[in-house]
PDB file of N, CA and C in Angstrom:
ATOM      1  N   UNK A   1       0.997  -1.174  -0.129  1.00  0.00           N
ATOM      2  CA  UNK A   1      -0.010  -0.154  -0.402  1.00  0.00           C
ATOM      3  C   UNK A   1       0.769   1.001  -0.168  1.00  0.00           C
ATOM      4  N   UNK A   2       1.948   0.696   0.349  1.00  0.00           N
ATOM      5  CA  UNK A   2       2.879   2.650   0.746  1.00  0.00           C
ATOM      6  C   UNK A   2       3.349   2.776  -0.800  1.00  0.00           C
ATOM      7  N   UNK A   3       3.911   1.634  -1.089  1.00  0.00           N
ATOM      8  CA  UNK A   3       4.237   1.740  -3.077  1.00  0.00           C
ATOM      9  C   UNK A   3       3.208   2.861  -3.788  1.00  0.00           C
ATOM     10  N   UNK A   4       1.640   2.331  -3.562  1.00  0.00           N
ATOM     11  CA  UNK A   4       0.905   3.085  -4.066  1.00  0.00           C
ATOM     12  C   UNK A   4       0.473   4.720  -3.938  1.00  0.00           C
ATOM     13  N   UNK A   5       0.808   4.778  -2.201  1.00  0.00           N
ATOM     14  CA  UNK A   5       0.042   5.970  -2.351  1.00  0.00           C
ATOM     15  C   UNK A   5       1.833   6.710  -2.264  1.00  0.00           C
ATOM     16  N   UNK A   6       3.141   6.484  -2.454  1.00  0.00           N
ATOM     17  CA  UNK A   6       3.811   7.116  -3.148  1.00  0.00           C
ATOM     18  C   UNK A   6       3.524   7.182  -4.934  1.00  0.00           C
ATOM     19  N   UNK A   7       3.233   6.659  -5.216  1.00  0.00           N
ATOM     20  CA  UNK A   7       3.343   7.027  -6.523  1.00  0.00           C
ATOM     21  C   UNK A   7       1.877   7.931  -7.061  1.00  0.00           C
ATOM     22  N   UNK A   8       1.040   7.450  -6.228  1.00  0.00           N
ATOM     23  CA  UNK A   8       0.121   8.804  -6.510  1.00  0.00           C
ATOM     24  C   UNK A   8       0.963  10.037  -5.750  1.00  0.00           C
ATOM     25  N   UNK A   9       1.673   9.950  -4.681  1.00  0.00           N
ATOM     26  CA  UNK A   9       2.267  11.424  -4.396  1.00  0.00           C
ATOM     27  C   UNK A   9       2.874  11.939  -5.145  1.00  0.00           C
ATOM     28  N   UNK A  10       3.392  11.076  -6.248  1.00  0.00           N
ATOM     29  CA  UNK A  10       4.616  11.403  -7.155  1.00  0.00           C
ATOM     30  C   UNK A  10       3.839  11.914  -8.308  1.00  0.00           C
ATOM     31  N   UNK A  11       2.958  11.949  -8.616  1.00  0.00           N
ATOM     32  CA  UNK A  11       1.527  12.762  -9.957  1.00  0.00           C
ATOM     33  C   UNK A  11       1.372  13.289  -9.201  1.00  0.00           C
ATOM     34  N   UNK A  12       0.939  14.092  -7.812  1.00  0.00           N
ATOM     35  CA  UNK A  12       0.398  15.299  -7.257  1.00  0.00           C
ATOM     36  C   UNK A  12       1.546  16.127  -7.385  1.00  0.00           C
ATOM     37  N   UNK A  13       2.941  15.527  -7.183  1.00  0.00           N
ATOM     38  CA  UNK A  13       4.059  16.703  -7.392  1.00  0.00           C
ATOM     39  C   UNK A  13       4.022  16.930  -8.768  1.00  0.00           C
ATOM     40  N   UNK A  14       3.333  16.206  -9.525  1.00  0.00           N
ATOM     41  CA  UNK A  14       3.408  16.626 -11.288  1.00  0.00           C
ATOM     42  C   UNK A  14       2.149  17.928 -11.063  1.00  0.00           C
ATOM     43  N   UNK A  15       1.135  17.667 -10.367  1.00  0.00           N
ATOM     44  CA  UNK A  15      -0.070  18.778 -10.843  1.00  0.00           C
ATOM     45  C   UNK A  15       0.472  20.019  -9.873  1.00  0.00           C
ATOM     46  N   UNK A  16       0.978  19.897  -8.839  1.00  0.00           N
ATOM     47  CA  UNK A  16       1.423  21.183  -8.164  1.00  0.00           C
ATOM     48  C   UNK A  16       2.613  21.742  -8.864  1.00  0.00           C
ATOM     49  N   UNK A  17       3.547  21.489  -9.249  1.00  0.00           N
ATOM     50  CA  UNK A  17       4.717  22.084 -10.468  1.00  0.00           C
ATOM     51  C   UNK A  17       3.506  22.640 -11.294  1.00  0.00           C
ATOM     52  N   UNK A  18       3.124  22.155 -11.921  1.00  0.00           N
ATOM     53  CA  UNK A  18       2.534  22.125 -13.302  1.00  0.00           C
ATOM     54  C   UNK A  18       1.900  23.577 -12.485  1.00  0.00           C
ATOM     55  N   UNK A  19       0.680  23.418 -11.588  1.00  0.00           N
ATOM     56  CA  UNK A  19       0.006  24.661 -10.772  1.00  0.00           C
ATOM     57  C   UNK A  19       1.370  25.806 -10.704  1.00  0.00           C
ATOM     58  N   UNK A  20       1.722  25.549  -9.965  1.00  0.00           N
ATOM     59  CA  UNK A  20       2.760  26.605  -9.822  1.00  0.00           C
ATOM     60  C   UNK A  20       2.886  27.685 -10.829  1.00  0.00           C
ATOM     61  N   UNK A  21       3.372  26.867 -12.024  1.00  0.00           N
ATOM     62  CA  UNK A  21       4.084  27.648 -13.082  1.00  0.00           C
ATOM     63  C   UNK A  21       2.643  28.377 -13.351  1.00  0.00           C
ATOM     64  N   UNK A  22       1.448  27.510 -13.427  1.00  0.00           N
ATOM     65  CA  UNK A  22       0.039  28.552 -13.665  1.00  0.00           C
ATOM     66  C   UNK A  22       0.031  29.568 -12.953  1.00  0.00           C
ATOM     67  N   UNK A  23       0.467  29.653 -11.763  1.00  0.00           N
ATOM     68  CA  UNK A  23      -0.047  31.126 -10.729  1.00  0.00           C
ATOM     69  C   UNK A  23       0.166  32.148 -11.202  1.00  0.00           C
ATOM     70  N   UNK A  24       1.180  32.161 -12.264  1.00  0.00           N
ATOM     71  CA  UNK A  24       1.569  33.344 -11.934  1.00  0.00           C
ATOM     72  C   UNK A  24       2.633  33.984 -10.859  1.00  0.00           C
ATOM     73  N   UNK A  25       3.109  33.760 -10.221  1.00  0.00           N
ATOM     74  CA  UNK A  25       3.493  34.200  -8.807  1.00  0.00           C
ATOM     75  C   UNK A  25       2.227  33.946  -7.940  1.00  0.00           C
ATOM     76  N   UNK A  26       1.974  33.274  -7.885  1.00  0.00           N
ATOM     77  CA  UNK A  26       0.799  33.374  -7.003  1.00  0.00           C
ATOM     78  C   UNK A  26      -0.298  34.494  -6.872  1.00  0.00           C
ATOM     79  N   UNK A  27      -0.564  34.794  -8.614  1.00  0.00           N
ATOM     80  CA  UNK A  27      -1.379  36.313  -8.854  1.00  0.00           C
ATOM     81  C   UNK A  27      -2.947  35.859  -9.168  1.00  0.00           C
ATOM     82  N   UNK A  28      -2.704  33.878  -9.237  1.00  0.00           N
ATOM     83  CA  UNK A  28      -4.237  33.633  -9.934  1.00  0.00           C
ATOM     84  C   UNK A  28      -4.822  32.522  -8.516  1.00  0.00           C
ATOM     85  N   UNK A  29      -6.070  33.160  -8.657  1.00  0.00           N
ATOM     86  CA  UNK A  29      -6.315  31.937  -7.016  1.00  0.00           C
ATOM     87  C   UNK A  29      -6.458  30.535  -7.725  1.00  0.00           C
ATOM     88  N   UNK A  30      -7.220  30.434  -8.882  1.00  0.00           N
ATOM     89  CA  UNK A  30      -7.392  28.770  -9.082  1.00  0.00           C
ATOM     90  C   UNK A  30      -6.095  27.747  -8.859  1.00  0.00           C
ATOM     91  N   UNK A  31      -4.954  28.248  -9.669  1.00  0.00           N
ATOM     92  CA  UNK A  31      -4.296  27.633  -9.794  1.00  0.00           C
ATOM     93  C   UNK A  31      -3.455  27.493  -8.595  1.00  0.00           C
ATOM     94  N   UNK A  32      -3.314  28.655  -7.863  1.00  0.00           N
ATOM     95  CA  UNK A  32      -2.533  28.739  -6.533  1.00  0.00           C
ATOM     96  C   UNK A  32      -3.252  27.719  -5.478  1.00  0.00           C
ATOM     97  N   UNK A  33      -4.738  27.603  -5.410  1.00  0.00           N
ATOM     98  CA  UNK A  33      -5.038  26.861  -4.995  1.00  0.00           C
ATOM     99  C   UNK A  33      -5.108  25.297  -4.841  1.00  0.00           C
ATOM    100  N   UNK A  34      -4.771  25.403  -6.244  1.00  0.00           N
ATOM    101  CA  UNK A  34      -4.451  23.966  -6.596  1.00  0.00           C
ATOM    102  C   UNK A  34      -3.107  23.243  -6.155  1.00  0.00           C
ATOM    103  N   UNK A  35      -2.573  24.069  -6.761  1.00  0.00           N
ATOM    104  CA  UNK A  35      -0.894  24.452  -5.930  1.00  0.00           C
ATOM    105  C   UNK A  35      -0.804  23.647  -4.161  1.00  0.00           C
ATOM    106  N   UNK A  36      -1.490  24.732  -4.186  1.00  0.00           N
ATOM    107  CA  UNK A  36      -1.687  24.805  -2.277  1.00  0.00           C
ATOM    108  C   UNK A  36      -1.947  22.809  -1.783  1.00  0.00           C
ATOM    109  N   UNK A  37      -3.551  22.416  -2.702  1.00  0.00           N
ATOM    110  CA  UNK A  37      -3.696  21.213  -2.025  1.00  0.00           C
ATOM    111  C   UNK A  37      -2.934  20.277  -2.413  1.00  0.00           C
ATOM    112  N   UNK A  38      -2.670  20.198  -3.660  1.00  0.00           N
ATOM    113  CA  UNK A  38      -1.547  19.488  -4.102  1.00  0.00           C
ATOM    114  C   UNK A  38      -0.347  19.213  -4.063  1.00  0.00           C
ATOM    115  N   UNK A  39      -0.012  19.995  -3.305  1.00  0.00           N
ATOM    116  CA  UNK A  39       1.726  20.364  -2.472  1.00  0.00           C
ATOM    117  C   UNK A  39       1.167  19.483  -1.586  1.00  0.00           C
ATOM    118  N   UNK A  40       0.078  19.900  -0.652  1.00  0.00           N
ATOM    119  CA  UNK A  40      -0.018  19.410   1.333  1.00  0.00           C
ATOM    120  C   UNK A  40      -0.699  17.826   0.791  1.00  0.00           C
ATOM    121  N   UNK A  41      -1.055  17.491  -0.293  1.00  0.00           N
ATOM    122  CA  UNK A  41      -1.774  16.186  -0.730  1.00  0.00           C
ATOM    123  C   UNK A  41      -0.361  15.222  -0.739  1.00  0.00           C
ATOM    124  N   UNK A  42       0.745  15.641  -1.680  1.00  0.00           N
ATOM    125  CA  UNK A  42       1.518  15.101  -2.257  1.00  0.00           C
ATOM    126  C   UNK A  42       2.662  14.800  -0.822  1.00  0.00           C
ATOM    127  N   UNK A  43       2.895  15.860  -0.197  1.00  0.00           N
ATOM    128  CA  UNK A  43       3.778  15.707   1.228  1.00  0.00           C
ATOM    129  C   UNK A  43       3.301  14.532   2.076  1.00  0.00           C
ATOM    130  N   UNK A  44       1.893  14.680   2.025  1.00  0.00           N
ATOM    131  CA  UNK A  44       1.717  14.181   3.379  1.00  0.00           C
ATOM    132  C   UNK A  44       1.477  12.584   3.039  1.00  0.00           C
ATOM    133  N   UNK A  45       1.270  12.166   1.821  1.00  0.00           N
ATOM    134  CA  UNK A  45       1.474  10.914   1.589  1.00  0.00           C
ATOM    135  C   UNK A  45       3.052  10.440   0.859  1.00  0.00           C
ATOM    136  N   UNK A  46       3.684  11.240   0.811  1.00  0.00           N
ATOM    137  CA  UNK A  46       5.270  10.992   0.786  1.00  0.00           C
ATOM    138  C   UNK A  46       5.406  10.665   2.090  1.00  0.00           C
ATOM    139  N   UNK A  47       5.151  11.089   3.371  1.00  0.00           N
ATOM    140  CA  UNK A  47       5.659  11.426   4.769  1.00  0.00           C
ATOM    141  C   UNK A  47       4.728   9.865   5.257  1.00  0.00           C
ATOM    142  N   UNK A  48       3.554   9.680   4.731  1.00  0.00           N
ATOM    143  CA  UNK A  48       2.998   8.460   4.880  1.00  0.00           C
ATOM    144  C   UNK A  48       3.922   7.308   4.726  1.00  0.00           C
ATOM    145  N   UNK A  49       4.011   7.012   3.240  1.00  0.00           N
ATOM    146  CA  UNK A  49       4.595   6.327   2.515  1.00  0.00           C
ATOM    147  C   UNK A  49       6.162   5.697   3.089  1.00  0.00           C
ATOM    148  N   UNK A  50       6.561   6.904   3.432  1.00  0.00           N
ATOM    149  CA  UNK A  50       8.121   6.596   4.059  1.00  0.00           C
ATOM    150  C   UNK A  50       8.253   6.392   5.372  1.00  0.00           C
ATOM    151  N   UNK A  51       7.445   6.315   6.114  1.00  0.00           N
ATOM    152  CA  UNK A  51       7.149   5.643   7.148  1.00  0.00           C
ATOM    153  C   UNK A  51       7.836   3.828   6.885  1.00  0.00           C
ATOM    154  N   UNK A  52       7.121   3.136   5.961  1.00  0.00           N
ATOM    155  CA  UNK A  52       7.854   2.044   5.717  1.00  0.00           C
ATOM    156  C   UNK A  52       8.526   1.677   4.412  1.00  0.00           C
ATOM    157  N   UNK A  53       8.945   2.894   3.738  1.00  0.00           N
ATOM    158  CA  UNK A  53      10.479   2.769   2.488  1.00  0.00           C
ATOM    159  C   UNK A  53      10.965   3.246   2.836  1.00  0.00           C
ATOM    160  N   UNK A  54      12.526   2.986   2.765  1.00  0.00           N
ATOM    161  CA  UNK A  54      13.359   3.841   2.808  1.00  0.00           C
ATOM    162  C   UNK A  54      13.398   5.130   2.567  1.00  0.00           C
ATOM    163  N   UNK A  55      14.123   6.023   2.879  1.00  0.00           N
ATOM    164  CA  UNK A  55      13.949   7.312   2.528  1.00  0.00           C
ATOM    165  C   UNK A  55      14.442   7.542   1.688  1.00  0.00           C
ATOM    166  N   UNK A  56      15.867   6.923   0.952  1.00  0.00           N
ATOM    167  CA  UNK A  56      16.564   7.385  -0.050  1.00  0.00           C
ATOM    168  C   UNK A  56      16.040   6.605  -1.816  1.00  0.00           C
ATOM    169  N   UNK A  57      15.243   5.216  -1.540  1.00  0.00           N
ATOM    170  CA  UNK A  57      14.551   5.431  -2.249  1.00  0.00           C
ATOM    171  C   UNK A  57      12.974   5.939  -2.385  1.00  0.00           C
ATOM    172  N   UNK A  58      12.225   6.043  -1.419  1.00  0.00           N
ATOM    173  CA  UNK A  58      11.424   6.714  -1.754  1.00  0.00           C
ATOM    174  C   UNK A  58      10.842   8.278  -2.449  1.00  0.00           C
ATOM    175  N   UNK A  59      12.111   8.721  -1.821  1.00  0.00           N
ATOM    176  CA  UNK A  59      12.285   9.970  -2.240  1.00  0.00           C
ATOM    177  C   UNK A  59      12.772  10.115  -3.771  1.00  0.00           C
ATOM    178  N   UNK A  60      13.459   9.112  -3.784  1.00  0.00           N
ATOM    179  CA  UNK A  60      14.106   9.439  -5.403  1.00  0.00           C
ATOM    180  C   UNK A  60      12.912   8.830  -6.566  1.00  0.00           C
ATOM    181  N   UNK A  61      12.229   8.125  -6.276  1.00  0.00           N
ATOM    182  CA  UNK A  61      11.137   7.239  -6.951  1.00  0.00           C
ATOM    183  C   UNK A  61       9.926   9.065  -6.842  1.00  0.00           C
ATOM    184  N   UNK A  62       9.821   9.556  -5.352  1.00  0.00           N
ATOM    185  CA  UNK A  62       8.773  10.249  -5.620  1.00  0.00           C
ATOM    186  C   UNK A  62       9.229  11.511  -6.465  1.00  0.00           C
ATOM    187  N   UNK A  63      10.185  12.409  -6.556  1.00  0.00           N
ATOM    188  CA  UNK A  63      11.124  12.926  -7.197  1.00  0.00           C
ATOM    189  C   UNK A  63      11.042  12.466  -8.554  1.00  0.00           C
ATOM    190  N   UNK A  64      11.363  11.414  -8.888  1.00  0.00           N
ATOM    191  CA  UNK A  64      11.163  10.544 -10.764  1.00  0.00           C
ATOM    192  C   UNK A  64      10.658  10.295 -10.676  1.00  0.00           C
ATOM    193  N   UNK A  65       9.445  10.733 -10.297  1.00  0.00           N
ATOM    194  CA  UNK A  65       7.729  10.878 -10.792  1.00  0.00           C
ATOM    195  C   UNK A  65       7.364  11.998 -11.251  1.00  0.00           C
ATOM    196  N   UNK A  66       7.673  12.610 -10.375  1.00  0.00           N
ATOM    197  CA  UNK A  66       6.899  13.959 -10.332  1.00  0.00           C
ATOM    198  C   UNK A  66       7.740  14.707 -11.404  1.00  0.00           C
ATOM    199  N   UNK A  67       9.038  14.219 -11.393  1.00  0.00           N
ATOM    200  CA  UNK A  67      10.330  15.118 -12.806  1.00  0.00           C
ATOM    201  C   UNK A  67       9.562  14.831 -13.955  1.00  0.00           C
ATOM    202  N   UNK A  68       9.720  13.472 -14.307  1.00  0.00           N
ATOM    203  CA  UNK A  68       9.209  12.959 -15.611  1.00  0.00           C
ATOM    204  C   UNK A  68       7.572  12.814 -16.306  1.00  0.00           C
ATOM    205  N   UNK A  69       6.825  13.290 -14.711  1.00  0.00           N
ATOM    206  CA  UNK A  69       5.617  14.003 -15.131  1.00  0.00           C
ATOM    207  C   UNK A  69       5.130  15.103 -15.851  1.00  0.00           C
ATOM    208  N   UNK A  70       5.423  16.261 -14.306  1.00  0.00           N
ATOM    209  CA  UNK A  70       5.883  17.673 -15.561  1.00  0.00           C
ATOM    210  C   UNK A  70       6.494  17.329 -16.707  1.00  0.00           C
ATOM    211  N   UNK A  71       7.816  16.942 -17.036  1.00  0.00           N
ATOM    212  CA  UNK A  71       8.438  17.366 -18.202  1.00  0.00           C
ATOM    213  C   UNK A  71       7.012  16.959 -19.674  1.00  0.00           C
ATOM    214  N   UNK A  72       6.821  16.233 -19.313  1.00  0.00           N
ATOM    215  CA  UNK A  72       5.970  14.934 -20.214  1.00  0.00           C
ATOM    216  C   UNK A  72       4.526  16.288 -20.239  1.00  0.00           C
ATOM    217  N   UNK A  73       3.917  16.623 -19.224  1.00  0.00           N
ATOM    218  CA  UNK A  73       2.718  17.267 -19.035  1.00  0.00           C
ATOM    219  C   UNK A  73       3.553  18.743 -20.239  1.00  0.00           C
ATOM    220  N   UNK A  74       4.661  19.172 -20.068  1.00  0.00           N
ATOM    221  CA  UNK A  74       4.832  20.526 -20.673  1.00  0.00           C
ATOM    222  C   UNK A  74       5.077  20.259 -22.251  1.00  0.00           C
ATOM    223  N   UNK A  75       5.598  18.887 -22.490  1.00  0.00           N
ATOM    224  CA  UNK A  75       5.586  18.394 -23.908  1.00  0.00           C
ATOM    225  C   UNK A  75       4.254  18.298 -24.385  1.00  0.00           C
ATOM    226  N   UNK A  76       3.556  17.791 -24.188  1.00  0.00           N
ATOM    227  CA  UNK A  76       2.391  17.244 -24.200  1.00  0.00           C
ATOM    228  C   UNK A  76       1.252  18.084 -24.524  1.00  0.00           C
ATOM    229  N   UNK A  77       1.358  18.974 -23.344  1.00  0.00           N
ATOM    230  CA  UNK A  77       0.467  20.431 -23.314  1.00  0.00           C
ATOM    231  C   UNK A  77       0.408  21.257 -23.620  1.00  0.00           C
ATOM    232  N   UNK A  78       1.874  21.798 -23.408  1.00  0.00           N
ATOM    233  CA  UNK A  78       2.636  23.302 -23.191  1.00  0.00           C
ATOM    234  C   UNK A  78       3.309  23.498 -24.409  1.00  0.00           C
ATOM    235  N   UNK A  79       3.245  22.750 -25.188  1.00  0.00           N
ATOM    236  CA  UNK A  79       3.925  23.518 -26.475  1.00  0.00           C
ATOM    237  C   UNK A  79       5.645  22.895 -26.318  1.00  0.00           C
ATOM    238  N   UNK A  80       6.249  22.529 -25.271  1.00  0.00           N
ATOM    239  CA  UNK A  80       7.644  22.033 -24.738  1.00  0.00           C
ATOM    240  C   UNK A  80       8.486  21.070 -25.931  1.00  0.00           C
ATOM    241  N   UNK A  81       9.801  21.275 -26.196  1.00  0.00           N
ATOM    242  CA  UNK A  81      10.444  20.257 -27.251  1.00  0.00           C
ATOM    243  C   UNK A  81      10.080  18.723 -26.548  1.00  0.00           C
ATOM    244  N   UNK A  82      10.259  18.174 -27.560  1.00  0.00           N
ATOM    245  CA  UNK A  82       9.950  16.836 -26.840  1.00  0.00           C
ATOM    246  C   UNK A  82      11.239  16.325 -28.359  1.00  0.00           C
ATOM    247  N   UNK A  83      12.473  16.688 -27.840  1.00  0.00           N
ATOM    248  CA  UNK A  83      13.575  16.426 -29.109  1.00  0.00           C
ATOM    249  C   UNK A  83      13.713  14.717 -28.488  1.00  0.00           C
ATOM    250  N   UNK A  84      14.483  14.045 -29.303  1.00  0.00           N
ATOM    251  CA  UNK A  84      15.207  12.747 -29.370  1.00  0.00           C
ATOM    252  C   UNK A  84      16.024  12.670 -27.759  1.00  0.00           C
ATOM    253  N   UNK A  85      16.561  13.702 -28.403  1.00  0.00           N
ATOM    254  CA  UNK A  85      18.063  13.975 -26.237  1.00  0.00           C
ATOM    255  C   UNK A  85      17.156  13.642 -25.248  1.00  0.00           C
ATOM    256  N   UNK A  86      16.148  14.802 -25.229  1.00  0.00           N
ATOM    257  CA  UNK A  86      15.115  15.251 -24.330  1.00  0.00           C
ATOM    258  C   UNK A  86      14.204  14.055 -23.772  1.00  0.00           C
ATOM    259  N   UNK A  87      14.177  12.948 -24.747  1.00  0.00           N
ATOM    260  CA  UNK A  87      13.064  11.810 -24.229  1.00  0.00           C
ATOM    261  C   UNK A  87      13.859  10.555 -23.879  1.00  0.00           C
ATOM    262  N   UNK A  88      15.015  10.602 -24.246  1.00  0.00           N
ATOM    263  CA  UNK A  88      16.214   9.448 -23.862  1.00  0.00           C
ATOM    264  C   UNK A  88      16.501   9.763 -22.900  1.00  0.00           C
ATOM    265  N   UNK A  89      16.703  11.202 -22.316  1.00  0.00           N
ATOM    266  CA  UNK A  89      16.947  11.594 -20.487  1.00  0.00           C
ATOM    267  C   UNK A  89      16.218  10.831 -20.027  1.00  0.00           C
ATOM    268  N   UNK A  90      14.686  11.096 -20.447  1.00  0.00           N
ATOM    269  CA  UNK A  90      13.227  10.886 -19.180  1.00  0.00           C
ATOM    270  C   UNK A  90      13.520   9.692 -19.064  1.00  0.00           C
ATOM    271  N   UNK A  91      13.906   8.690 -19.676  1.00  0.00           N
ATOM    272  CA  UNK A  91      13.631   7.416 -20.433  1.00  0.00           C
ATOM    273  C   UNK A  91      14.811   6.972 -19.246  1.00  0.00           C
ATOM    274  N   UNK A  92      15.824   7.284 -19.059  1.00  0.00           N
ATOM    275  CA  UNK A  92      16.977   6.907 -18.293  1.00  0.00           C
ATOM    276  C   UNK A  92      16.134   7.362 -16.701  1.00  0.00           C
ATOM    277  N   UNK A  93      15.498   8.604 -16.595  1.00  0.00           N
ATOM    278  CA  UNK A  93      15.283   8.775 -15.075  1.00  0.00           C
ATOM    279  C   UNK A  93      13.761   7.975 -15.218  1.00  0.00           C
ATOM    280  N   UNK A  94      13.220   7.671 -15.958  1.00  0.00           N
ATOM    281  CA  UNK A  94      11.964   6.375 -15.600  1.00  0.00           C
ATOM    282  C   UNK A  94      13.306   4.433 -14.883  1.00  0.00           C
ATOM    283  N   UNK A  95      14.080   4.793 -16.233  1.00  0.00           N
ATOM    284  CA  UNK A  95      14.576   3.380 -15.898  1.00  0.00           C
ATOM    285  C   UNK A  95      15.628   3.228 -14.002  1.00  0.00           C
ATOM    286  N   UNK A  96      16.022   4.862 -13.788  1.00  0.00           N
ATOM    287  CA  UNK A  96      16.517   4.534 -12.348  1.00  0.00           C
ATOM    288  C   UNK A  96      15.586   4.435 -11.553  1.00  0.00           C
ATOM    289  N   UNK A  97      14.080   5.003 -11.796  1.00  0.00           N
ATOM    290  CA  UNK A  97      13.142   4.672 -11.045  1.00  0.00           C
ATOM    291  C   UNK A  97      12.421   3.446 -10.568  1.00  0.00           C
ATOM    292  N   UNK A  98      12.071   2.644 -11.701  1.00  0.00           N
ATOM    293  CA  UNK A  98      12.545   1.211 -12.102  1.00  0.00           C
ATOM    294  C   UNK A  98      13.661   0.797 -11.295  1.00  0.00           C
ATOM    295  N   UNK A  99      14.750   1.281 -11.282  1.00  0.00           N
ATOM    296  CA  UNK A  99      15.721  -0.086 -10.736  1.00  0.00           C
ATOM    297  C   UNK A  99      15.556   0.116  -9.360  1.00  0.00           C
ATOM    298  N   UNK A 100      15.309   1.638  -8.620  1.00  0.00           N
ATOM    299  CA  UNK A 100      15.465   1.918  -7.432  1.00  0.00           C
ATOM    300  C   UNK A 100      13.915   0.840  -6.547  1.00  0.00           C
ATOM    301  N   UNK A 101      13.070   0.512  -7.428  1.00  0.00           N
ATOM    302  CA  UNK A 101      12.472   0.047  -6.761  1.00  0.00           C
ATOM    303  C   UNK A 101      12.214  -1.544  -6.707  1.00  0.00           C
ATOM    304  N   UNK A 102      12.856  -1.807  -8.065  1.00  0.00           N
ATOM    305  CA  UNK A 102      13.113  -3.256  -7.971  1.00  0.00           C
ATOM    306  C   UNK A 102      14.369  -3.574  -7.120  1.00  0.00           C
ATOM    307  N   UNK A 103      15.365  -2.713  -6.817  1.00  0.00           N
ATOM    308  CA  UNK A 103      16.375  -3.435  -5.697  1.00  0.00           C
ATOM    309  C   UNK A 103      16.509  -2.788  -4.425  1.00  0.00           C
ATOM    310  N   UNK A 104      15.231  -2.234  -3.881  1.00  0.00           N
ATOM    311  CA  UNK A 104      15.032  -1.730  -2.898  1.00  0.00           C
ATOM    312  C   UNK A 104      15.205  -2.500  -1.652  1.00  0.00           C
TER     313      UNK A 104
END
């Protein structure tokens, strides 16, 4: 169950990162509220999951999911470059996260 919570918390990291960018320095109400709620839920889930997952593994997986998710949303929905080198780098991050999960 801790791994499920950790993965959901990682996806919530993507939500709060995108909302942070959309908040325009916290001048837009809805993205600012989405940021705050997603941030709190993400941190609560991370802290709960780390009760049974080692900190090094759990934090790296959480960050990896958030970073890859944010980059993918940027490429798919926000018009950021989806060049082959960027995609390969994201693949390396995913490989590292999967490796940490399996060798934990």
